[in-house]
Structures are given as C-alpha cells and as structure tokens.
Amino acid sequence: MDYNHITIFLDKFKKIICQKEETKEIVMKTISDEICHKVDNQLVKIKSGYIHVQASPALRCEVMMHKKQILDKLKNLLPSNNFIDIK
C-alpha cells in the first residue's frame, strides 16, 4: 500500500505546529528582552491574537508597563501575525 498521501497530509500539520512554536519563541524572546527578565515557555499562551501571560503579579505588571513597546516590536518582527493585546 502507498501511504505517501498520508505523509503529505500530516506534513501540513507539522508545518503549522512548527510555525506556532516559532511564533511563541519570538514572542517570549521579545517580552524577555523588553522587561529584562527571562519568561518561561509555560507562562505565555497565544490565542486569537491575544498574548496571555500567566505569571506572578510583579512580572505581569512589568509586562503591562512595556505592553506598547512589546506589541510594536512584535508588529515589526512578525508582520503576518496581528497581535491585538497582551493580557
């Protein structure tokens, strides 16, 4: 049997997952650079154009203070993604 068509189908999902992971890495690095504090992978979630930061209140406050700069940098780095807000 030829399973090549299944492999091609699954490769599409692999590309989508890799793109999401790369986007998340860029978002985490941008936030970390802006607030001068490393942000853990599990603390950042991206959903429907919103970036959710689930961290301590002090870290979240720091992110919110730099929200405009973070969104501006992400707009320059990832023009294809339209991030609406950071929550």
N, C-alpha and C. Protein backbone atom coordinates (compact mmCIF):
# COMPACT_ATOMS: atom_id res chain seq x y z
N MET A 1 0.84 -1.19 0.00
CA MET A 1 0.00 0.00 0.00
C MET A 1 0.88 1.25 0.00
N ASP A 2 0.38 2.26 -0.62
CA ASP A 2 1.10 3.53 -0.68
C ASP A 2 0.54 4.49 0.37
N TYR A 3 1.40 4.85 1.31
CA TYR A 3 0.98 5.76 2.39
C TYR A 3 1.54 7.17 2.18
N ASN A 4 1.99 7.44 1.00
CA ASN A 4 2.59 8.74 0.73
C ASN A 4 1.59 9.88 0.90
N HIS A 5 0.33 9.66 0.54
CA HIS A 5 -0.67 10.71 0.67
C HIS A 5 -0.94 11.05 2.14
N ILE A 6 -0.81 10.07 3.02
CA ILE A 6 -0.98 10.32 4.46
C ILE A 6 0.19 11.14 4.99
N THR A 7 1.38 10.82 4.52
CA THR A 7 2.57 11.55 4.94
C THR A 7 2.48 13.01 4.53
N ILE A 8 2.04 13.25 3.32
CA ILE A 8 1.88 14.63 2.83
C ILE A 8 0.84 15.37 3.67
N PHE A 9 -0.25 14.70 3.98
CA PHE A 9 -1.31 15.29 4.80
C PHE A 9 -0.79 15.65 6.19
N LEU A 10 -0.05 14.75 6.82
CA LEU A 10 0.47 15.01 8.16
C LEU A 10 1.57 16.06 8.17
N ASP A 11 2.31 16.20 7.08
CA ASP A 11 3.34 17.23 6.98
C ASP A 11 2.74 18.63 7.06
N LYS A 12 1.51 18.79 6.57
CA LYS A 12 0.84 20.09 6.67
C LYS A 12 0.66 20.49 8.13
N PHE A 13 0.24 19.54 8.96
CA PHE A 13 0.05 19.83 10.37
C PHE A 13 1.38 20.07 11.07
N LYS A 14 2.40 19.37 10.66
CA LYS A 14 3.73 19.57 11.24
C LYS A 14 4.22 20.99 10.98
N LYS A 15 3.99 21.51 9.77
CA LYS A 15 4.39 22.87 9.45
C LYS A 15 3.62 23.88 10.29
N ILE A 16 2.34 23.65 10.49
CA ILE A 16 1.51 24.56 11.29
C ILE A 16 2.00 24.58 12.73
N ILE A 17 2.29 23.43 13.29
CA ILE A 17 2.76 23.35 14.67
C ILE A 17 4.12 24.02 14.80
N CYS A 18 5.00 23.80 13.86
CA CYS A 18 6.33 24.43 13.91
C CYS A 18 6.21 25.94 13.81
N GLN A 19 5.31 26.45 12.99
CA GLN A 19 5.12 27.89 12.88
C GLN A 19 4.61 28.48 14.19
N LYS A 20 3.71 27.78 14.83
CA LYS A 20 3.18 28.27 16.11
C LYS A 20 4.27 28.28 17.17
N GLU A 21 5.10 27.26 17.20
CA GLU A 21 6.19 27.20 18.18
C GLU A 21 7.21 28.30 17.93
N GLU A 22 7.53 28.55 16.66
CA GLU A 22 8.47 29.63 16.33
C GLU A 22 7.90 30.99 16.72
N THR A 23 6.63 31.20 16.47
CA THR A 23 5.97 32.45 16.85
C THR A 23 6.01 32.63 18.35
N LYS A 24 5.73 31.58 19.08
CA LYS A 24 5.75 31.66 20.54
C LYS A 24 7.15 31.96 21.05
N GLU A 25 8.18 31.37 20.43
CA GLU A 25 9.56 31.64 20.82
C GLU A 25 9.92 33.10 20.59
N ILE A 26 9.49 33.65 19.47
CA ILE A 26 9.78 35.06 19.17
C ILE A 26 9.06 35.97 20.16
N VAL A 27 7.81 35.64 20.49
CA VAL A 27 7.06 36.43 21.46
C VAL A 27 7.74 36.38 22.83
N MET A 28 8.14 35.20 23.27
CA MET A 28 8.80 35.06 24.57
C MET A 28 10.12 35.83 24.60
N LYS A 29 10.89 35.74 23.54
CA LYS A 29 12.17 36.44 23.49
C LYS A 29 11.96 37.96 23.50
N THR A 30 10.97 38.44 22.77
CA THR A 30 10.69 39.87 22.74
C THR A 30 10.27 40.37 24.11
N ILE A 31 9.40 39.64 24.78
CA ILE A 31 8.97 40.03 26.13
C ILE A 31 10.16 40.00 27.07
N SER A 32 10.96 38.95 27.01
CA SER A 32 12.13 38.83 27.89
C SER A 32 13.11 39.97 27.67
N ASP A 33 13.35 40.32 26.42
CA ASP A 33 14.29 41.40 26.12
C ASP A 33 13.76 42.74 26.62
N GLU A 34 12.47 42.94 26.49
CA GLU A 34 11.89 44.23 26.87
C GLU A 34 11.85 44.44 28.38
N ILE A 35 11.53 43.39 29.12
CA ILE A 35 11.41 43.55 30.57
C ILE A 35 12.68 43.12 31.31
N CYS A 36 13.69 42.67 30.59
CA CYS A 36 14.97 42.24 31.18
C CYS A 36 14.80 41.12 32.20
N HIS A 37 13.91 40.21 31.91
CA HIS A 37 13.68 39.05 32.77
C HIS A 37 13.25 37.90 31.88
N LYS A 38 13.84 36.72 32.10
CA LYS A 38 13.51 35.55 31.27
C LYS A 38 12.09 35.09 31.57
N VAL A 39 11.32 34.89 30.52
CA VAL A 39 9.95 34.41 30.63
C VAL A 39 9.93 32.95 30.24
N ASP A 40 9.34 32.12 31.08
CA ASP A 40 9.29 30.68 30.86
C ASP A 40 8.29 30.33 29.76
N ASN A 41 8.51 29.22 29.10
CA ASN A 41 7.68 28.76 27.99
C ASN A 41 6.23 28.52 28.41
N GLN A 42 6.02 27.99 29.60
CA GLN A 42 4.65 27.68 30.03
C GLN A 42 3.88 28.91 30.48
N LEU A 43 4.53 30.05 30.64
CA LEU A 43 3.86 31.25 31.12
C LEU A 43 3.17 32.04 30.01
N VAL A 44 3.50 31.74 28.76
CA VAL A 44 2.96 32.50 27.63
C VAL A 44 2.06 31.61 26.79
N LYS A 45 0.85 32.10 26.53
CA LYS A 45 -0.10 31.42 25.66
C LYS A 45 -0.57 32.42 24.61
N ILE A 46 -0.69 31.97 23.37
CA ILE A 46 -1.16 32.83 22.29
C ILE A 46 -2.45 32.24 21.75
N LYS A 47 -3.49 33.06 21.75
CA LYS A 47 -4.79 32.56 21.30
C LYS A 47 -5.58 33.72 20.70
N SER A 48 -6.01 33.57 19.47
CA SER A 48 -6.87 34.52 18.76
C SER A 48 -6.32 35.94 18.76
N GLY A 49 -5.03 36.09 18.58
CA GLY A 49 -4.43 37.41 18.52
C GLY A 49 -4.10 38.02 19.86
N TYR A 50 -4.40 37.31 20.92
CA TYR A 50 -4.10 37.79 22.27
C TYR A 50 -2.94 36.99 22.85
N ILE A 51 -2.07 37.69 23.56
CA ILE A 51 -0.96 37.05 24.25
C ILE A 51 -1.32 37.03 25.72
N HIS A 52 -1.42 35.85 26.29
CA HIS A 52 -1.76 35.70 27.70
C HIS A 52 -0.48 35.36 28.48
N VAL A 53 -0.17 36.19 29.47
CA VAL A 53 1.00 35.97 30.32
C VAL A 53 0.48 35.54 31.69
N GLN A 54 0.79 34.31 32.06
CA GLN A 54 0.34 33.76 33.35
C GLN A 54 1.57 33.68 34.26
N ALA A 55 1.79 34.76 35.00
CA ALA A 55 2.99 34.82 35.84
C ALA A 55 2.63 35.51 37.15
N SER A 56 3.66 35.78 37.94
CA SER A 56 3.45 36.47 39.21
C SER A 56 2.93 37.88 38.94
N PRO A 57 2.24 38.46 39.90
CA PRO A 57 1.73 39.82 39.69
C PRO A 57 2.82 40.85 39.37
N ALA A 58 3.98 40.71 39.97
CA ALA A 58 5.07 41.64 39.70
C ALA A 58 5.54 41.54 38.24
N LEU A 59 5.67 40.31 37.75
CA LEU A 59 6.11 40.10 36.36
C LEU A 59 5.04 40.57 35.39
N ARG A 60 3.79 40.29 35.69
CA ARG A 60 2.70 40.74 34.82
C ARG A 60 2.63 42.26 34.77
N CYS A 61 2.84 42.90 35.91
CA CYS A 61 2.84 44.36 35.95
C CYS A 61 3.96 44.92 35.09
N GLU A 62 5.11 44.31 35.14
CA GLU A 62 6.25 44.73 34.32
C GLU A 62 5.91 44.57 32.84
N VAL A 63 5.27 43.48 32.48
CA VAL A 63 4.88 43.26 31.08
C VAL A 63 3.86 44.32 30.66
N MET A 64 2.90 44.61 31.52
CA MET A 64 1.87 45.59 31.18
C MET A 64 2.45 47.00 31.03
N MET A 65 3.48 47.32 31.80
CA MET A 65 4.12 48.63 31.69
C MET A 65 4.82 48.78 30.33
N HIS A 66 5.29 47.68 29.77
CA HIS A 66 6.02 47.70 28.50
C HIS A 66 5.17 47.16 27.35
N LYS A 67 3.86 47.09 27.54
CA LYS A 67 2.97 46.47 26.56
C LYS A 67 3.08 47.12 25.18
N LYS A 68 3.04 48.43 25.12
CA LYS A 68 3.07 49.12 23.82
C LYS A 68 4.38 48.82 23.08
N GLN A 69 5.50 48.86 23.80
CA GLN A 69 6.79 48.59 23.16
C GLN A 69 6.86 47.14 22.66
N ILE A 70 6.35 46.23 23.46
CA ILE A 70 6.35 44.81 23.08
C ILE A 70 5.52 44.60 21.83
N LEU A 71 4.31 45.16 21.80
CA LEU A 71 3.43 44.99 20.64
C LEU A 71 4.03 45.64 19.39
N ASP A 72 4.69 46.79 19.56
CA ASP A 72 5.34 47.45 18.41
C ASP A 72 6.47 46.59 17.85
N LYS A 73 7.29 46.03 18.73
CA LYS A 73 8.40 45.17 18.28
C LYS A 73 7.86 43.93 17.58
N LEU A 74 6.80 43.33 18.14
CA LEU A 74 6.23 42.14 17.52
C LEU A 74 5.61 42.46 16.16
N LYS A 75 5.06 43.65 16.03
CA LYS A 75 4.49 44.05 14.74
C LYS A 75 5.59 44.15 13.68
N ASN A 76 6.78 44.61 14.09
CA ASN A 76 7.90 44.70 13.16
C ASN A 76 8.50 43.33 12.86
N LEU A 77 8.59 42.48 13.89
CA LEU A 77 9.20 41.15 13.71
C LEU A 77 8.28 40.17 13.01
N LEU A 78 6.99 40.23 13.32
CA LEU A 78 6.02 39.28 12.78
C LEU A 78 4.86 40.03 12.12
N PRO A 79 5.09 40.62 10.95
CA PRO A 79 4.01 41.40 10.33
C PRO A 79 2.81 40.55 9.90
N SER A 80 3.02 39.26 9.70
CA SER A 80 1.90 38.40 9.29
C SER A 80 0.94 38.10 10.45
N ASN A 81 1.44 38.19 11.68
CA ASN A 81 0.58 37.96 12.85
C ASN A 81 0.09 39.31 13.36
N ASN A 82 -1.19 39.38 13.65
CA ASN A 82 -1.76 40.61 14.16
C ASN A 82 -2.10 40.41 15.63
N PHE A 83 -1.18 40.81 16.51
CA PHE A 83 -1.43 40.69 17.93
C PHE A 83 -2.25 41.88 18.38
N ILE A 84 -3.36 41.61 19.04
CA ILE A 84 -4.30 42.66 19.44
C ILE A 84 -3.92 43.24 20.79
N ASP A 85 -3.63 42.37 21.75
CA ASP A 85 -3.40 42.85 23.11
C ASP A 85 -2.62 41.80 23.91
N ILE A 86 -2.10 42.25 25.04
CA ILE A 86 -1.44 41.35 25.99
C ILE A 86 -2.30 41.36 27.23
N LYS A 87 -2.63 40.19 27.71
CA LYS A 87 -3.46 40.06 28.91
C LYS A 87 -2.70 39.30 29.98
